[in-house]
Protein backbone atom coordinates (compact mmCIF):
# COMPACT_ATOMS: atom_id res chain seq x y z
CA MET A 1 -100.30 152.24 13.67
CA ALA A 2 -101.75 155.81 13.76
CA SER A 3 -99.66 158.38 11.91
CA GLY A 4 -98.72 161.91 12.90
CA GLN A 5 -97.75 161.18 16.55
CA THR A 6 -95.22 163.10 18.57
CA LEU A 7 -92.31 161.34 20.31
CA GLY A 8 -90.82 163.02 23.22
CA PHE A 9 -87.38 162.20 24.80
CA ILE A 10 -86.99 162.87 28.53
CA GLY A 11 -83.23 163.13 28.61
CA CYS A 12 -81.35 163.14 25.39
CA GLY A 13 -77.67 162.66 26.06
CA ASN A 14 -75.45 160.02 24.52
CA MET A 15 -77.92 157.21 24.29
CA GLY A 16 -81.10 159.22 23.69
CA GLY A 17 -79.20 161.27 21.08
CA ALA A 18 -78.00 158.12 19.38
CA VAL A 19 -81.59 156.76 19.07
CA LEU A 20 -82.98 160.07 18.02
CA ASN A 21 -80.38 160.60 15.24
CA GLY A 22 -80.51 156.98 14.15
CA LEU A 23 -84.31 157.17 13.84
CA LEU A 24 -84.20 160.51 11.94
CA ASN A 25 -81.55 159.26 9.49
CA SER A 26 -83.34 155.95 8.88
CA ALA A 27 -87.07 156.89 8.78
CA PHE A 28 -86.75 160.41 7.31
CA SER A 29 -84.09 160.09 4.81
CA LYS A 30 -84.86 161.15 1.17
CA SER A 31 -84.79 157.52 0.07
CA THR A 32 -87.38 156.44 2.67
CA SER A 33 -90.69 154.86 1.49
CA THR A 34 -93.68 157.14 0.89
CA THR A 35 -95.57 155.17 3.46
CA PRO A 36 -96.62 157.58 6.24
CA ASN A 37 -94.57 157.31 9.42
CA PRO A 38 -96.40 156.69 12.63
CA ILE A 39 -94.20 159.45 14.17
CA THR A 40 -93.76 162.69 12.38
CA ARG A 41 -92.58 165.07 15.14
CA PHE A 42 -90.02 164.92 18.01
CA ILE A 43 -89.42 166.85 21.12
CA ALA A 44 -86.13 166.35 23.03
CA CYS A 45 -86.01 167.66 26.56
CA THR A 46 -82.57 167.89 28.21
CA LYS A 47 -81.66 168.88 31.75
CA THR A 48 -79.62 171.89 30.91
CA ALA A 49 -79.55 174.58 28.16
CA SER A 50 -75.92 173.69 27.36
CA SER A 51 -77.04 170.08 26.76
CA ALA A 52 -79.83 171.32 24.47
CA SER A 53 -77.30 173.46 22.54
CA ARG A 54 -74.95 170.51 22.21
CA LEU A 55 -77.74 168.24 21.02
CA GLN A 56 -78.88 170.82 18.39
CA THR A 57 -75.43 170.66 16.72
CA THR A 58 -75.86 166.88 16.15
CA ILE A 59 -79.16 167.17 14.18
CA ALA A 60 -78.78 167.22 10.42
CA PRO A 61 -80.10 170.38 8.73
CA GLU A 62 -82.73 168.49 6.76
CA HIS A 63 -84.15 167.21 10.03
CA GLN A 64 -84.15 170.38 12.04
CA GLN A 65 -87.84 171.16 11.21
CA LEU A 66 -88.95 167.82 12.64
CA ILE A 67 -87.64 168.37 16.10
CA LYS A 68 -88.10 170.83 19.02
CA ILE A 69 -85.24 170.82 21.58
CA VAL A 70 -85.95 172.21 25.08
CA SER A 71 -84.27 172.14 28.53
CA ASP A 72 -85.79 171.75 31.88
CA GLN A 73 -89.33 171.26 30.60
CA THR A 74 -90.08 167.68 31.69
CA VAL A 75 -93.83 167.99 32.38
CA GLN A 76 -94.48 170.18 29.35
CA THR A 77 -92.71 167.70 27.06
CA MET A 78 -94.74 164.85 28.47
CA GLN A 79 -97.91 166.79 27.96
CA GLU A 80 -97.17 167.58 24.38
CA ALA A 81 -95.84 164.12 23.32
CA ASP A 82 -98.05 161.16 22.45
CA ILE A 83 -95.26 158.76 23.23
CA ILE A 84 -92.42 159.21 25.68
CA ILE A 85 -89.02 157.77 25.85
CA LEU A 86 -87.30 157.92 29.22
CA ALA A 87 -83.61 158.34 28.45
CA CYS A 88 -82.35 160.14 31.44
CA LYS A 89 -79.76 158.71 33.87
CA PRO A 90 -81.24 155.84 35.79
CA PHE A 91 -80.52 157.52 39.16
CA MET A 92 -82.60 160.52 38.10
CA ALA A 93 -85.81 158.49 37.60
CA GLU A 94 -87.33 159.21 40.99
CA ALA A 95 -86.83 162.97 40.67
CA VAL A 96 -87.95 163.21 37.17
CA LEU A 97 -91.03 161.07 37.52
CA GLY A 98 -91.90 162.63 40.90
CA GLU A 99 -92.39 166.04 39.49
CA GLU A 100 -95.78 167.64 39.94
CA GLY A 101 -97.93 167.05 36.91
CA VAL A 102 -96.10 163.97 35.62
CA ARG A 103 -98.87 161.50 36.56
CA ASP A 104 -101.53 163.41 34.65
CA ALA A 105 -99.24 164.12 31.72
CA LEU A 106 -98.45 160.40 31.23
CA ALA A 107 -101.92 158.97 31.95
CA GLY A 108 -102.85 156.35 29.39
CA LYS A 109 -99.77 157.04 27.18
CA LEU A 110 -97.04 154.82 25.96
CA VAL A 111 -93.85 155.27 27.99
CA ILE A 112 -90.72 153.45 26.81
CA SER A 113 -87.97 153.14 29.35
CA MET A 114 -84.40 152.94 28.26
CA LEU A 115 -83.21 153.03 31.96
CA ALA A 116 -80.90 150.29 33.07
CA GLY A 117 -81.95 148.55 36.27
CA GLN A 118 -85.38 150.16 36.62
CA SER A 119 -88.24 147.67 36.18
CA CYS A 120 -91.55 148.66 34.52
CA GLU A 121 -93.34 148.05 37.77
CA THR A 122 -91.00 150.32 39.73
CA LEU A 123 -91.38 153.11 37.19
CA THR A 124 -95.22 152.73 37.17
CA ASN A 125 -95.27 153.07 40.96
CA LEU A 126 -93.08 156.20 40.72
CA ILE A 127 -95.36 157.81 38.26
CA ASN A 128 -98.62 156.71 39.85
CA PRO A 129 -97.85 155.70 43.49
CA ASP A 130 -101.47 155.62 44.73
CA ALA A 131 -103.01 154.26 41.58
CA SER A 132 -105.38 157.16 41.54
CA ALA A 133 -105.12 158.00 37.80
CA ASP A 134 -105.17 156.08 34.44
CA PRO A 135 -101.66 154.46 34.49
CA PRO A 136 -99.33 154.78 31.55
CA HIS A 137 -98.42 151.72 29.44
CA LEU A 138 -94.75 150.96 30.32
CA MET A 139 -92.39 149.13 27.92
CA LYS A 140 -88.67 148.53 28.35
CA ALA A 141 -86.17 148.72 25.53
CA ILE A 142 -82.35 148.62 25.93
CA PRO A 143 -80.49 149.72 22.80
CA ASN A 144 -76.80 150.46 22.46
CA MET A 145 -74.66 153.17 20.93
CA GLY A 146 -74.71 151.44 17.59
CA ALA A 147 -78.26 153.03 17.23
CA GLN A 148 -76.79 156.21 15.72
CA PHE A 149 -75.45 154.11 12.75
CA GLY A 150 -78.52 151.87 12.48
CA GLU A 151 -76.55 149.01 14.01
CA SER A 152 -78.01 148.74 17.54
CA MET A 153 -79.05 145.44 19.12
CA THR A 154 -82.08 146.43 21.09
CA ILE A 155 -83.51 144.17 23.73
CA ILE A 156 -87.24 144.75 24.32
CA GLU A 157 -88.81 143.26 27.43
CA THR A 158 -91.87 141.02 26.58
CA PRO A 159 -94.81 143.33 26.97
CA ALA A 160 -97.49 142.91 29.58
CA PRO A 161 -100.74 141.47 28.07
CA THR A 162 -102.53 144.67 28.98
CA ILE A 163 -100.47 146.84 26.54
CA PRO A 164 -102.37 147.59 23.31
CA ILE A 165 -100.80 145.85 20.30
CA SER A 166 -100.63 149.19 18.53
CA MET A 167 -98.21 150.38 21.35
CA VAL A 168 -96.11 147.24 20.98
CA ASP A 169 -95.95 147.76 17.20
CA ILE A 170 -94.87 151.33 17.37
CA THR A 171 -92.17 150.50 19.91
CA GLU A 172 -90.84 147.91 17.65
CA TRP A 173 -91.06 150.31 14.71
CA ILE A 174 -88.81 152.81 16.58
CA PHE A 175 -86.09 150.38 17.44
CA GLN A 176 -86.09 148.46 14.22
CA HIS A 177 -85.15 151.70 12.57
CA VAL A 178 -81.96 151.90 14.59
CA GLY A 179 -80.97 148.20 14.22
CA ALA A 180 -82.14 144.69 15.18
CA VAL A 181 -84.68 143.89 17.85
CA LYS A 182 -85.03 140.89 20.27
CA TYR A 183 -87.63 140.27 22.85
CA LEU A 184 -86.68 138.79 26.18
CA GLY A 185 -88.54 137.99 29.40
CA ALA A 186 -88.17 140.32 32.39
CA GLU A 187 -86.00 137.75 34.15
CA HIS A 188 -83.30 138.09 31.43
CA ILE A 189 -83.32 141.82 30.99
CA GLY A 190 -80.61 142.62 33.53
CA LEU A 191 -78.07 140.27 32.02
CA ALA A 192 -79.05 141.35 28.53
CA THR A 193 -78.57 144.99 29.55
CA VAL A 194 -75.01 144.29 30.56
CA LEU A 195 -74.23 142.20 27.43
CA VAL A 196 -75.90 144.64 25.00
CA GLY A 197 -74.86 147.90 26.56
CA ALA A 198 -72.05 147.72 29.02
CA THR A 199 -69.83 145.28 27.13
CA MET A 200 -69.53 147.86 24.23
CA ALA A 201 -67.44 149.89 26.57
CA THR A 202 -65.72 146.96 28.25
CA LEU A 203 -64.52 145.51 25.02
CA THR A 204 -62.90 148.66 23.89
CA LEU A 205 -60.02 147.86 26.26
CA PRO A 206 -58.92 144.64 24.61
CA ILE A 207 -59.84 145.92 21.20
CA GLU A 208 -57.65 149.01 21.69
CA GLY A 209 -54.86 146.75 22.76
CA LEU A 210 -55.34 144.55 19.63
CA LEU A 211 -55.34 147.63 17.35
CA ASP A 212 -52.22 148.93 19.07
CA GLY A 213 -50.64 145.52 18.38
CA GLY A 214 -51.29 145.83 14.67
CA LEU A 215 -53.97 143.21 14.33
CA SER A 216 -56.68 145.42 12.92
CA ALA A 217 -56.05 144.62 9.22
CA VAL A 218 -56.43 140.89 9.89
CA LEU A 219 -59.64 141.25 11.77
CA GLU A 220 -61.00 143.64 9.17
CA SER A 221 -60.63 140.78 6.63
CA GLY A 222 -63.60 139.12 8.22
CA LYS A 223 -61.87 136.16 9.93
CA HIS A 224 -63.36 135.01 13.27
CA PRO A 225 -61.04 135.87 16.17
CA ALA A 226 -60.69 132.24 17.12
CA ALA A 227 -59.61 131.40 13.51
CA VAL A 228 -57.06 134.28 13.60
CA ARG A 229 -55.69 132.93 16.85
CA GLU A 230 -55.29 129.39 15.59
CA SER A 231 -53.91 130.38 12.19
CA ILE A 232 -50.99 132.33 13.68
CA SER A 233 -50.20 130.09 16.54
CA SER A 234 -47.68 127.28 16.36
CA PRO A 235 -46.25 124.94 18.95
CA ARG A 236 -43.39 126.41 20.97
CA GLY A 237 -43.87 129.73 19.04
CA CYS A 238 -44.03 133.32 20.41
CA THR A 239 -47.67 133.62 19.70
CA ILE A 240 -48.68 130.55 21.81
CA GLN A 241 -46.60 132.01 24.60
CA THR A 242 -48.66 135.27 24.61
CA LEU A 243 -51.90 133.19 24.67
CA LEU A 244 -50.62 131.04 27.49
CA SER A 245 -49.70 134.29 29.35
CA LEU A 246 -53.23 135.58 29.03
CA GLU A 247 -54.69 132.20 30.07
CA LYS A 248 -52.37 132.07 33.04
CA ALA A 249 -53.36 135.61 34.10
CA GLY A 250 -57.00 134.56 34.07
CA THR A 251 -58.05 137.06 31.46
CA ARG A 252 -61.14 134.96 30.52
CA SER A 253 -62.29 134.94 34.05
CA ASP A 254 -61.78 138.67 34.39
CA PHE A 255 -64.17 139.34 31.51
CA ALA A 256 -66.60 136.87 32.96
CA GLU A 257 -66.35 138.57 36.35
CA ALA A 258 -67.00 141.95 34.70
CA ILE A 259 -70.28 140.75 33.26
CA VAL A 260 -71.32 139.09 36.47
CA ARG A 261 -70.58 142.33 38.49
CA GLY A 262 -72.53 144.39 36.05
CA ASN A 263 -75.59 142.15 36.16
CA THR A 264 -75.48 141.91 39.96
CA HIS A 265 -75.39 145.78 40.22
CA LEU A 266 -78.53 145.93 38.11
CA LYS A 267 -80.40 143.27 40.16
CA GLU A 268 -79.54 145.37 43.32
CA LYS A 269 -81.23 148.33 41.72
CA MET A 270 -84.45 146.58 40.61
């Protein structure tokens, strides 16, 4: 992998900021290996000046010199960066990629999409609708908010055979610095997006209930939830009654339905 490249973020809100900060903390900490990093500079382009100011406050002082934060400079950021991460809201993709100058700014470059529900083919067509220019090399990566702590589970779509191996390597390098990486085929990306991303928010509901119920210390001991359930349940006891109540209410099916609905929504967007 070539060193000294610039990574640009188009959109750098919650998810983009999590990946940016996770990467800075992992690859540019004082204890990091002396091996040159393939990326040495960052540009983060937000939609508004207030978002840029907010992002600036999250960057550690020792990393400030590595990054330039701007607002409403999409094309300029794409021109200046060697690699681009699309981290805006998915519904904004058409407007962002349809700006004048985007096609030329992205020609031949590695573009990594973190947009849920938008296929690489769709994004390529938005960038270069008449195939009149050198197309960008699109890859898709879906991390989660654990990235800011180096604990993301990032799903990378199996790259097209036309993508240079050096671009695949640098994509993997980026996301391995914010957690674990797993490759999946395009046909599984929708469901994986829901499982990796959306369920983090979905599961906060039952987890919050468990914590409110005083179970946090037991779970923090490292026991599997199923083992905890079995160890504190006895025939005709109060615990088994709570479990029976949840089963009767169809709680399992509610969570299954939540995952199915999320996946169906993404399929409709692709």
